[in-house]
């Protein structure tokens, strides 16, 4: 089990309710795959340095977590195909 920091951006067009559902979905994904989430930081709406998919801002969320490296790859693939997720980045601590 390694420690990771996950930063992901939720599209600004996503409703507040759906945004909370996405955050809960990924938190439960980590916990259901024998990982732990030590902290969730909801940074909020921020402007992008450049347009992404014709959008100029998004809602940033940071997870501090412990997870198996094989599960990180699976979670990255899941996030890539999830509607509402603009970008994600895993950083090993």
PDB file of N, CA and C in Angstrom:
ATOM      1  N   UNK A   1       0.841  -1.177   0.000  1.00  0.00           N
ATOM      2  CA  UNK A   1       0.000   0.000   0.000  1.00  0.00           C
ATOM      3  C   UNK A   1       0.885   1.238   0.000  1.00  0.00           C
ATOM      4  N   UNK A   2       0.601   2.126  -0.919  1.00  0.00           N
ATOM      5  CA  UNK A   2       1.355   3.371  -1.033  1.00  0.00           C
ATOM      6  C   UNK A   2       0.452   4.559  -0.730  1.00  0.00           C
ATOM      7  N   UNK A   3       1.069   5.646  -0.363  1.00  0.00           N
ATOM      8  CA  UNK A   3       0.325   6.892  -0.135  1.00  0.00           C
ATOM      9  C   UNK A   3       0.289   7.681  -1.441  1.00  0.00           C
ATOM     10  N   UNK A   4      -0.879   8.215  -1.755  1.00  0.00           N
ATOM     11  CA  UNK A   4      -1.080   8.993  -2.977  1.00  0.00           C
ATOM     12  C   UNK A   4      -1.844  10.272  -2.669  1.00  0.00           C
ATOM     13  N   UNK A   5      -1.653  11.230  -3.539  1.00  0.00           N
ATOM     14  CA  UNK A   5      -2.504  12.411  -3.553  1.00  0.00           C
ATOM     15  C   UNK A   5      -3.195  12.400  -4.906  1.00  0.00           C
ATOM     16  N   UNK A   6      -4.505  12.438  -4.879  1.00  0.00           N
ATOM     17  CA  UNK A   6      -5.309  12.459  -6.098  1.00  0.00           C
ATOM     18  C   UNK A   6      -5.953  13.824  -6.218  1.00  0.00           C
ATOM     19  N   UNK A   7      -5.707  14.481  -7.333  1.00  0.00           N
ATOM     20  CA  UNK A   7      -6.357  15.752  -7.622  1.00  0.00           C
ATOM     21  C   UNK A   7      -7.217  15.514  -8.858  1.00  0.00           C
ATOM     22  N   UNK A   8      -8.500  15.852  -8.757  1.00  0.00           N
ATOM     23  CA  UNK A   8      -9.354  15.738  -9.941  1.00  0.00           C
ATOM     24  C   UNK A   8     -10.223  16.965 -10.066  1.00  0.00           C
ATOM     25  N   UNK A   9     -10.629  17.219 -11.315  1.00  0.00           N
ATOM     26  CA  UNK A   9     -11.426  18.395 -11.634  1.00  0.00           C
ATOM     27  C   UNK A   9     -12.779  17.927 -12.142  1.00  0.00           C
ATOM     28  N   UNK A  10     -13.820  18.465 -11.533  1.00  0.00           N
ATOM     29  CA  UNK A  10     -15.196  18.187 -11.959  1.00  0.00           C
ATOM     30  C   UNK A  10     -15.655  19.366 -12.815  1.00  0.00           C
ATOM     31  N   UNK A  11     -16.318  19.072 -13.916  1.00  0.00           N
ATOM     32  CA  UNK A  11     -16.776  20.111 -14.841  1.00  0.00           C
ATOM     33  C   UNK A  11     -17.683  21.110 -14.125  1.00  0.00           C
ATOM     34  N   UNK A  12     -17.578  22.361 -14.511  1.00  0.00           N
ATOM     35  CA  UNK A  12     -18.358  23.420 -13.867  1.00  0.00           C
ATOM     36  C   UNK A  12     -19.858  23.289 -14.155  1.00  0.00           C
ATOM     37  N   UNK A  13     -20.222  22.628 -15.238  1.00  0.00           N
ATOM     38  CA  UNK A  13     -21.640  22.482 -15.586  1.00  0.00           C
ATOM     39  C   UNK A  13     -22.363  21.432 -14.737  1.00  0.00           C
ATOM     40  N   UNK A  14     -21.613  20.650 -13.956  1.00  0.00           N
ATOM     41  CA  UNK A  14     -22.197  19.619 -13.098  1.00  0.00           C
ATOM     42  C   UNK A  14     -22.871  20.285 -11.898  1.00  0.00           C
ATOM     43  N   UNK A  15     -24.076  19.830 -11.562  1.00  0.00           N
ATOM     44  CA  UNK A  15     -24.817  20.412 -10.431  1.00  0.00           C
ATOM     45  C   UNK A  15     -24.131  20.077  -9.104  1.00  0.00           C
ATOM     46  N   UNK A  16     -24.456  20.851  -8.064  1.00  0.00           N
ATOM     47  CA  UNK A  16     -23.865  20.641  -6.744  1.00  0.00           C
ATOM     48  C   UNK A  16     -24.170  19.238  -6.220  1.00  0.00           C
ATOM     49  N   UNK A  17     -25.384  18.782  -6.430  1.00  0.00           N
ATOM     50  CA  UNK A  17     -25.791  17.457  -5.957  1.00  0.00           C
ATOM     51  C   UNK A  17     -24.996  16.361  -6.663  1.00  0.00           C
ATOM     52  N   UNK A  18     -24.868  16.459  -7.966  1.00  0.00           N
ATOM     53  CA  UNK A  18     -24.123  15.472  -8.749  1.00  0.00           C
ATOM     54  C   UNK A  18     -22.635  15.515  -8.389  1.00  0.00           C
ATOM     55  N   UNK A  19     -22.127  16.704  -8.101  1.00  0.00           N
ATOM     56  CA  UNK A  19     -20.719  16.876  -7.711  1.00  0.00           C
ATOM     57  C   UNK A  19     -20.434  16.099  -6.422  1.00  0.00           C
ATOM     58  N   UNK A  20     -21.328  16.241  -5.431  1.00  0.00           N
ATOM     59  CA  UNK A  20     -21.162  15.518  -4.171  1.00  0.00           C
ATOM     60  C   UNK A  20     -21.261  14.008  -4.384  1.00  0.00           C
ATOM     61  N   UNK A  21     -22.115  13.579  -5.319  1.00  0.00           N
ATOM     62  CA  UNK A  21     -22.237  12.160  -5.639  1.00  0.00           C
ATOM     63  C   UNK A  21     -20.950  11.617  -6.229  1.00  0.00           C
ATOM     64  N   UNK A  22     -20.308  12.401  -7.109  1.00  0.00           N
ATOM     65  CA  UNK A  22     -19.047  11.973  -7.711  1.00  0.00           C
ATOM     66  C   UNK A  22     -17.947  11.848  -6.653  1.00  0.00           C
ATOM     67  N   UNK A  23     -17.879  12.813  -5.748  1.00  0.00           N
ATOM     68  CA  UNK A  23     -16.870  12.769  -4.687  1.00  0.00           C
ATOM     69  C   UNK A  23     -17.099  11.538  -3.804  1.00  0.00           C
ATOM     70  N   UNK A  24     -18.347  11.288  -3.433  1.00  0.00           N
ATOM     71  CA  UNK A  24     -18.684  10.121  -2.608  1.00  0.00           C
ATOM     72  C   UNK A  24     -18.403   8.816  -3.357  1.00  0.00           C
ATOM     73  N   UNK A  25     -18.649   8.808  -4.661  1.00  0.00           N
ATOM     74  CA  UNK A  25     -18.418   7.611  -5.478  1.00  0.00           C
ATOM     75  C   UNK A  25     -16.948   7.219  -5.456  1.00  0.00           C
ATOM     76  N   UNK A  26     -16.063   8.192  -5.643  1.00  0.00           N
ATOM     77  CA  UNK A  26     -14.645   7.865  -5.690  1.00  0.00           C
ATOM     78  C   UNK A  26     -14.081   7.568  -4.304  1.00  0.00           C
ATOM     79  N   UNK A  27     -14.635   8.199  -3.289  1.00  0.00           N
ATOM     80  CA  UNK A  27     -14.213   7.879  -1.919  1.00  0.00           C
ATOM     81  C   UNK A  27     -14.599   6.443  -1.581  1.00  0.00           C
ATOM     82  N   UNK A  28     -15.822   6.051  -1.932  1.00  0.00           N
ATOM     83  CA  UNK A  28     -16.262   4.682  -1.656  1.00  0.00           C
ATOM     84  C   UNK A  28     -15.506   3.672  -2.516  1.00  0.00           C
ATOM     85  N   UNK A  29     -15.090   4.072  -3.715  1.00  0.00           N
ATOM     86  CA  UNK A  29     -14.288   3.183  -4.570  1.00  0.00           C
ATOM     87  C   UNK A  29     -12.974   2.844  -3.869  1.00  0.00           C
ATOM     88  N   UNK A  30     -12.314   3.868  -3.336  1.00  0.00           N
ATOM     89  CA  UNK A  30     -11.045   3.651  -2.630  1.00  0.00           C
ATOM     90  C   UNK A  30     -11.261   2.717  -1.448  1.00  0.00           C
ATOM     91  N   UNK A  31     -12.292   2.987  -0.654  1.00  0.00           N
ATOM     92  CA  UNK A  31     -12.545   2.194   0.546  1.00  0.00           C
ATOM     93  C   UNK A  31     -12.976   0.765   0.222  1.00  0.00           C
ATOM     94  N   UNK A  32     -13.686   0.551  -0.878  1.00  0.00           N
ATOM     95  CA  UNK A  32     -14.119  -0.790  -1.248  1.00  0.00           C
ATOM     96  C   UNK A  32     -12.991  -1.627  -1.840  1.00  0.00           C
ATOM     97  N   UNK A  33     -11.900  -0.981  -2.234  1.00  0.00           N
ATOM     98  CA  UNK A  33     -10.735  -1.693  -2.764  1.00  0.00           C
ATOM     99  C   UNK A  33      -9.585  -1.690  -1.757  1.00  0.00           C
ATOM    100  N   UNK A  34      -9.932  -1.780  -0.483  1.00  0.00           N
ATOM    101  CA  UNK A  34      -8.990  -1.919   0.638  1.00  0.00           C
ATOM    102  C   UNK A  34      -8.042  -0.737   0.791  1.00  0.00           C
ATOM    103  N   UNK A  35      -8.486   0.434   0.368  1.00  0.00           N
ATOM    104  CA  UNK A  35      -7.701   1.645   0.564  1.00  0.00           C
ATOM    105  C   UNK A  35      -8.341   2.513   1.629  1.00  0.00           C
ATOM    106  N   UNK A  36      -7.663   3.572   2.001  1.00  0.00           N
ATOM    107  CA  UNK A  36      -8.224   4.509   2.968  1.00  0.00           C
ATOM    108  C   UNK A  36      -8.055   5.926   2.445  1.00  0.00           C
ATOM    109  N   UNK A  37      -9.027   6.759   2.734  1.00  0.00           N
ATOM    110  CA  UNK A  37      -8.958   8.175   2.381  1.00  0.00           C
ATOM    111  C   UNK A  37      -8.731   8.938   3.677  1.00  0.00           C
ATOM    112  N   UNK A  38      -7.535   9.531   3.818  1.00  0.00           N
ATOM    113  CA  UNK A  38      -7.201  10.263   5.041  1.00  0.00           C
ATOM    114  C   UNK A  38      -7.815  11.655   5.050  1.00  0.00           C
ATOM    115  N   UNK A  39      -7.977  12.244   3.878  1.00  0.00           N
ATOM    116  CA  UNK A  39      -8.530  13.587   3.833  1.00  0.00           C
ATOM    117  C   UNK A  39      -9.112  13.922   2.479  1.00  0.00           C
ATOM    118  N   UNK A  40     -10.163  14.713   2.496  1.00  0.00           N
ATOM    119  CA  UNK A  40     -10.795  15.210   1.273  1.00  0.00           C
ATOM    120  C   UNK A  40     -10.810  16.728   1.371  1.00  0.00           C
ATOM    121  N   UNK A  41     -10.156  17.373   0.426  1.00  0.00           N
ATOM    122  CA  UNK A  41     -10.135  18.834   0.401  1.00  0.00           C
ATOM    123  C   UNK A  41     -10.883  19.309  -0.839  1.00  0.00           C
ATOM    124  N   UNK A  42     -11.982  19.997  -0.602  1.00  0.00           N
ATOM    125  CA  UNK A  42     -12.771  20.559  -1.702  1.00  0.00           C
ATOM    126  C   UNK A  42     -12.267  21.978  -1.923  1.00  0.00           C
ATOM    127  N   UNK A  43     -11.401  22.134  -2.894  1.00  0.00           N
ATOM    128  CA  UNK A  43     -10.764  23.426  -3.157  1.00  0.00           C
ATOM    129  C   UNK A  43     -11.782  24.418  -3.708  1.00  0.00           C
ATOM    130  N   UNK A  44     -12.668  23.942  -4.565  1.00  0.00           N
ATOM    131  CA  UNK A  44     -13.700  24.807  -5.124  1.00  0.00           C
ATOM    132  C   UNK A  44     -13.439  25.163  -6.578  1.00  0.00           C
ATOM    133  N   UNK A  45     -14.222  26.116  -7.080  1.00  0.00           N
ATOM    134  CA  UNK A  45     -14.110  26.544  -8.478  1.00  0.00           C
ATOM    135  C   UNK A  45     -12.832  27.345  -8.687  1.00  0.00           C
ATOM    136  N   UNK A  46     -12.117  26.984  -9.741  1.00  0.00           N
ATOM    137  CA  UNK A  46     -10.893  27.690 -10.113  1.00  0.00           C
ATOM    138  C   UNK A  46     -10.867  27.833 -11.625  1.00  0.00           C
ATOM    139  N   UNK A  47     -10.270  28.912 -12.081  1.00  0.00           N
ATOM    140  CA  UNK A  47     -10.092  29.121 -13.522  1.00  0.00           C
ATOM    141  C   UNK A  47      -8.937  28.265 -14.025  1.00  0.00           C
ATOM    142  N   UNK A  48      -9.079  27.748 -15.243  1.00  0.00           N
ATOM    143  CA  UNK A  48      -8.017  26.985 -15.886  1.00  0.00           C
ATOM    144  C   UNK A  48      -7.001  27.940 -16.501  1.00  0.00           C
ATOM    145  N   UNK A  49      -5.778  27.479 -16.660  1.00  0.00           N
ATOM    146  CA  UNK A  49      -4.744  28.265 -17.329  1.00  0.00           C
ATOM    147  C   UNK A  49      -5.049  28.367 -18.827  1.00  0.00           C
ATOM    148  N   UNK A  50      -5.733  27.361 -19.347  1.00  0.00           N
ATOM    149  CA  UNK A  50      -6.127  27.335 -20.756  1.00  0.00           C
ATOM    150  C   UNK A  50      -7.445  26.562 -20.850  1.00  0.00           C
ATOM    151  N   UNK A  51      -8.243  26.803 -21.887  1.00  0.00           N
ATOM    152  CA  UNK A  51      -9.537  26.106 -21.998  1.00  0.00           C
ATOM    153  C   UNK A  51      -9.370  24.586 -22.146  1.00  0.00           C
ATOM    154  N   UNK A  52     -10.204  23.845 -21.442  1.00  0.00           N
ATOM    155  CA  UNK A  52     -10.245  22.387 -21.549  1.00  0.00           C
ATOM    156  C   UNK A  52     -11.664  22.020 -21.945  1.00  0.00           C
ATOM    157  N   UNK A  53     -11.819  21.386 -23.093  1.00  0.00           N
ATOM    158  CA  UNK A  53     -13.141  21.014 -23.618  1.00  0.00           C
ATOM    159  C   UNK A  53     -14.074  22.225 -23.659  1.00  0.00           C
ATOM    160  N   UNK A  54     -13.559  23.340 -24.088  1.00  0.00           N
ATOM    161  CA  UNK A  54     -14.289  24.604 -24.249  1.00  0.00           C
ATOM    162  C   UNK A  54     -14.788  25.180 -22.926  1.00  0.00           C
ATOM    163  N   UNK A  55     -14.239  24.732 -21.808  1.00  0.00           N
ATOM    164  CA  UNK A  55     -14.600  25.264 -20.497  1.00  0.00           C
ATOM    165  C   UNK A  55     -13.418  26.061 -19.950  1.00  0.00           C
ATOM    166  N   UNK A  56     -13.714  27.061 -19.135  1.00  0.00           N
ATOM    167  CA  UNK A  56     -12.652  27.908 -18.597  1.00  0.00           C
ATOM    168  C   UNK A  56     -12.464  27.748 -17.091  1.00  0.00           C
ATOM    169  N   UNK A  57     -13.339  26.957 -16.432  1.00  0.00           N
ATOM    170  CA  UNK A  57     -13.181  26.732 -15.002  1.00  0.00           C
ATOM    171  C   UNK A  57     -13.735  25.364 -14.617  1.00  0.00           C
ATOM    172  N   UNK A  58     -13.332  24.900 -13.428  1.00  0.00           N
ATOM    173  CA  UNK A  58     -13.795  23.620 -12.923  1.00  0.00           C
ATOM    174  C   UNK A  58     -13.680  23.570 -11.419  1.00  0.00           C
ATOM    175  N   UNK A  59     -14.281  22.541 -10.821  1.00  0.00           N
ATOM    176  CA  UNK A  59     -14.301  22.367  -9.370  1.00  0.00           C
ATOM    177  C   UNK A  59     -13.198  21.366  -8.997  1.00  0.00           C
ATOM    178  N   UNK A  60     -12.228  21.822  -8.211  1.00  0.00           N
ATOM    179  CA  UNK A  60     -11.072  21.014  -7.840  1.00  0.00           C
ATOM    180  C   UNK A  60     -11.311  20.279  -6.522  1.00  0.00           C
ATOM    181  N   UNK A  61     -10.893  19.006  -6.490  1.00  0.00           N
ATOM    182  CA  UNK A  61     -10.993  18.183  -5.288  1.00  0.00           C
ATOM    183  C   UNK A  61      -9.671  17.440  -5.117  1.00  0.00           C
ATOM    184  N   UNK A  62      -9.181  17.368  -3.859  1.00  0.00           N
ATOM    185  CA  UNK A  62      -7.935  16.665  -3.568  1.00  0.00           C
ATOM    186  C   UNK A  62      -8.208  15.591  -2.515  1.00  0.00           C
ATOM    187  N   UNK A  63      -7.790  14.354  -2.818  1.00  0.00           N
ATOM    188  CA  UNK A  63      -7.850  13.246  -1.868  1.00  0.00           C
ATOM    189  C   UNK A  63      -6.431  12.928  -1.422  1.00  0.00           C
ATOM    190  N   UNK A  64      -6.216  12.737  -0.129  1.00  0.00           N
ATOM    191  CA  UNK A  64      -4.997  12.132   0.396  1.00  0.00           C
ATOM    192  C   UNK A  64      -5.394  10.724   0.785  1.00  0.00           C
ATOM    193  N   UNK A  65      -4.728   9.719   0.186  1.00  0.00           N
ATOM    194  CA  UNK A  65      -5.206   8.356   0.367  1.00  0.00           C
ATOM    195  C   UNK A  65      -4.067   7.352   0.361  1.00  0.00           C
ATOM    196  N   UNK A  66      -4.383   6.160   0.844  1.00  0.00           N
ATOM    197  CA  UNK A  66      -3.483   5.016   0.800  1.00  0.00           C
ATOM    198  C   UNK A  66      -4.187   3.951  -0.022  1.00  0.00           C
ATOM    199  N   UNK A  67      -3.460   3.400  -1.010  1.00  0.00           N
ATOM    200  CA  UNK A  67      -4.103   2.454  -1.924  1.00  0.00           C
ATOM    201  C   UNK A  67      -3.063   1.555  -2.575  1.00  0.00           C
ATOM    202  N   UNK A  68      -3.485   0.381  -3.017  1.00  0.00           N
ATOM    203  CA  UNK A  68      -2.631  -0.544  -3.744  1.00  0.00           C
ATOM    204  C   UNK A  68      -2.334   0.025  -5.135  1.00  0.00           C
ATOM    205  N   UNK A  69      -1.082  -0.043  -5.595  1.00  0.00           N
ATOM    206  CA  UNK A  69      -0.733   0.537  -6.910  1.00  0.00           C
ATOM    207  C   UNK A  69      -1.549  -0.015  -8.083  1.00  0.00           C
ATOM    208  N   UNK A  70      -1.891  -1.284  -8.055  1.00  0.00           N
ATOM    209  CA  UNK A  70      -2.687  -1.875  -9.140  1.00  0.00           C
ATOM    210  C   UNK A  70      -4.082  -1.253  -9.179  1.00  0.00           C
ATOM    211  N   UNK A  71      -4.631  -0.949  -8.021  1.00  0.00           N
ATOM    212  CA  UNK A  71      -5.959  -0.344  -7.949  1.00  0.00           C
ATOM    213  C   UNK A  71      -5.947   1.106  -8.424  1.00  0.00           C
ATOM    214  N   UNK A  72      -4.807   1.771  -8.295  1.00  0.00           N
ATOM    215  CA  UNK A  72      -4.698   3.158  -8.760  1.00  0.00           C
ATOM    216  C   UNK A  72      -4.894   3.212 -10.279  1.00  0.00           C
ATOM    217  N   UNK A  73      -4.282   2.260 -10.992  1.00  0.00           N
ATOM    218  CA  UNK A  73      -4.445   2.222 -12.445  1.00  0.00           C
ATOM    219  C   UNK A  73      -5.901   1.984 -12.833  1.00  0.00           C
ATOM    220  N   UNK A  74      -6.563   1.088 -12.118  1.00  0.00           N
ATOM    221  CA  UNK A  74      -7.975   0.805 -12.400  1.00  0.00           C
ATOM    222  C   UNK A  74      -8.843   2.025 -12.114  1.00  0.00           C
ATOM    223  N   UNK A  75      -8.547   2.713 -11.026  1.00  0.00           N
ATOM    224  CA  UNK A  75      -9.322   3.911 -10.676  1.00  0.00           C
ATOM    225  C   UNK A  75      -9.094   5.020 -11.696  1.00  0.00           C
ATOM    226  N   UNK A  76      -7.870   5.148 -12.185  1.00  0.00           N
ATOM    227  CA  UNK A  76      -7.562   6.152 -13.201  1.00  0.00           C
ATOM    228  C   UNK A  76      -8.379   5.897 -14.465  1.00  0.00           C
ATOM    229  N   UNK A  77      -8.478   4.649 -14.874  1.00  0.00           N
ATOM    230  CA  UNK A  77      -9.272   4.300 -16.058  1.00  0.00           C
ATOM    231  C   UNK A  77     -10.752   4.596 -15.834  1.00  0.00           C
ATOM    232  N   UNK A  78     -11.248   4.286 -14.628  1.00  0.00           N
ATOM    233  CA  UNK A  78     -12.644   4.568 -14.302  1.00  0.00           C
ATOM    234  C   UNK A  78     -12.921   6.071 -14.370  1.00  0.00           C
ATOM    235  N   UNK A  79     -12.021   6.872 -13.823  1.00  0.00           N
ATOM    236  CA  UNK A  79     -12.213   8.321 -13.815  1.00  0.00           C
ATOM    237  C   UNK A  79     -12.167   8.891 -15.236  1.00  0.00           C
ATOM    238  N   UNK A  80     -11.355   8.294 -16.097  1.00  0.00           N
ATOM    239  CA  UNK A  80     -11.241   8.760 -17.473  1.00  0.00           C
ATOM    240  C   UNK A  80     -12.566   8.635 -18.223  1.00  0.00           C
ATOM    241  N   UNK A  81     -13.325   7.584 -17.934  1.00  0.00           N
ATOM    242  CA  UNK A  81     -14.580   7.367 -18.670  1.00  0.00           C
ATOM    243  C   UNK A  81     -15.806   7.902 -17.940  1.00  0.00           C
ATOM    244  N   UNK A  82     -15.617   8.473 -16.754  1.00  0.00           N
ATOM    245  CA  UNK A  82     -16.739   9.001 -15.977  1.00  0.00           C
ATOM    246  C   UNK A  82     -17.138  10.386 -16.492  1.00  0.00           C
ATOM    247  N   UNK A  83     -18.426  10.549 -16.785  1.00  0.00           N
ATOM    248  CA  UNK A  83     -18.927  11.852 -17.218  1.00  0.00           C
ATOM    249  C   UNK A  83     -18.801  12.850 -16.075  1.00  0.00           C
ATOM    250  N   UNK A  84     -18.368  14.056 -16.409  1.00  0.00           N
ATOM    251  CA  UNK A  84     -18.254  15.106 -15.408  1.00  0.00           C
ATOM    252  C   UNK A  84     -16.840  15.306 -14.897  1.00  0.00           C
ATOM    253  N   UNK A  85     -15.954  14.325 -15.100  1.00  0.00           N
ATOM    254  CA  UNK A  85     -14.558  14.465 -14.685  1.00  0.00           C
ATOM    255  C   UNK A  85     -13.770  15.026 -15.865  1.00  0.00           C
ATOM    256  N   UNK A  86     -13.150  16.175 -15.651  1.00  0.00           N
ATOM    257  CA  UNK A  86     -12.385  16.839 -16.712  1.00  0.00           C
ATOM    258  C   UNK A  86     -10.961  16.280 -16.763  1.00  0.00           C
ATOM    259  N   UNK A  87     -10.289  16.252 -15.624  1.00  0.00           N
ATOM    260  CA  UNK A  87      -8.922  15.766 -15.528  1.00  0.00           C
ATOM    261  C   UNK A  87      -8.723  15.135 -14.148  1.00  0.00           C
ATOM    262  N   UNK A  88      -7.733  14.223 -14.066  1.00  0.00           N
ATOM    263  CA  UNK A  88      -7.330  13.657 -12.786  1.00  0.00           C
ATOM    264  C   UNK A  88      -5.826  13.405 -12.815  1.00  0.00           C
ATOM    265  N   UNK A  89      -5.222  13.448 -11.624  1.00  0.00           N
ATOM    266  CA  UNK A  89      -3.793  13.215 -11.533  1.00  0.00           C
ATOM    267  C   UNK A  89      -3.482  12.564 -10.184  1.00  0.00           C
ATOM    268  N   UNK A  90      -2.774  11.429 -10.248  1.00  0.00           N
ATOM    269  CA  UNK A  90      -2.329  10.731  -9.064  1.00  0.00           C
ATOM    270  C   UNK A  90      -0.861  11.044  -8.862  1.00  0.00           C
ATOM    271  N   UNK A  91      -0.475  11.374  -7.620  1.00  0.00           N
ATOM    272  CA  UNK A  91       0.921  11.630  -7.295  1.00  0.00           C
ATOM    273  C   UNK A  91       1.278  10.747  -6.112  1.00  0.00           C
ATOM    274  N   UNK A  92       2.341   9.926  -6.289  1.00  0.00           N
ATOM    275  CA  UNK A  92       2.800   9.085  -5.187  1.00  0.00           C
ATOM    276  C   UNK A  92       3.596   9.930  -4.223  1.00  0.00           C
ATOM    277  N   UNK A  93       3.268   9.834  -2.933  1.00  0.00           N
ATOM    278  CA  UNK A  93       3.975  10.626  -1.906  1.00  0.00           C
ATOM    279  C   UNK A  93       5.214   9.897  -1.445  1.00  0.00           C
TER     280      UNK A  93
END
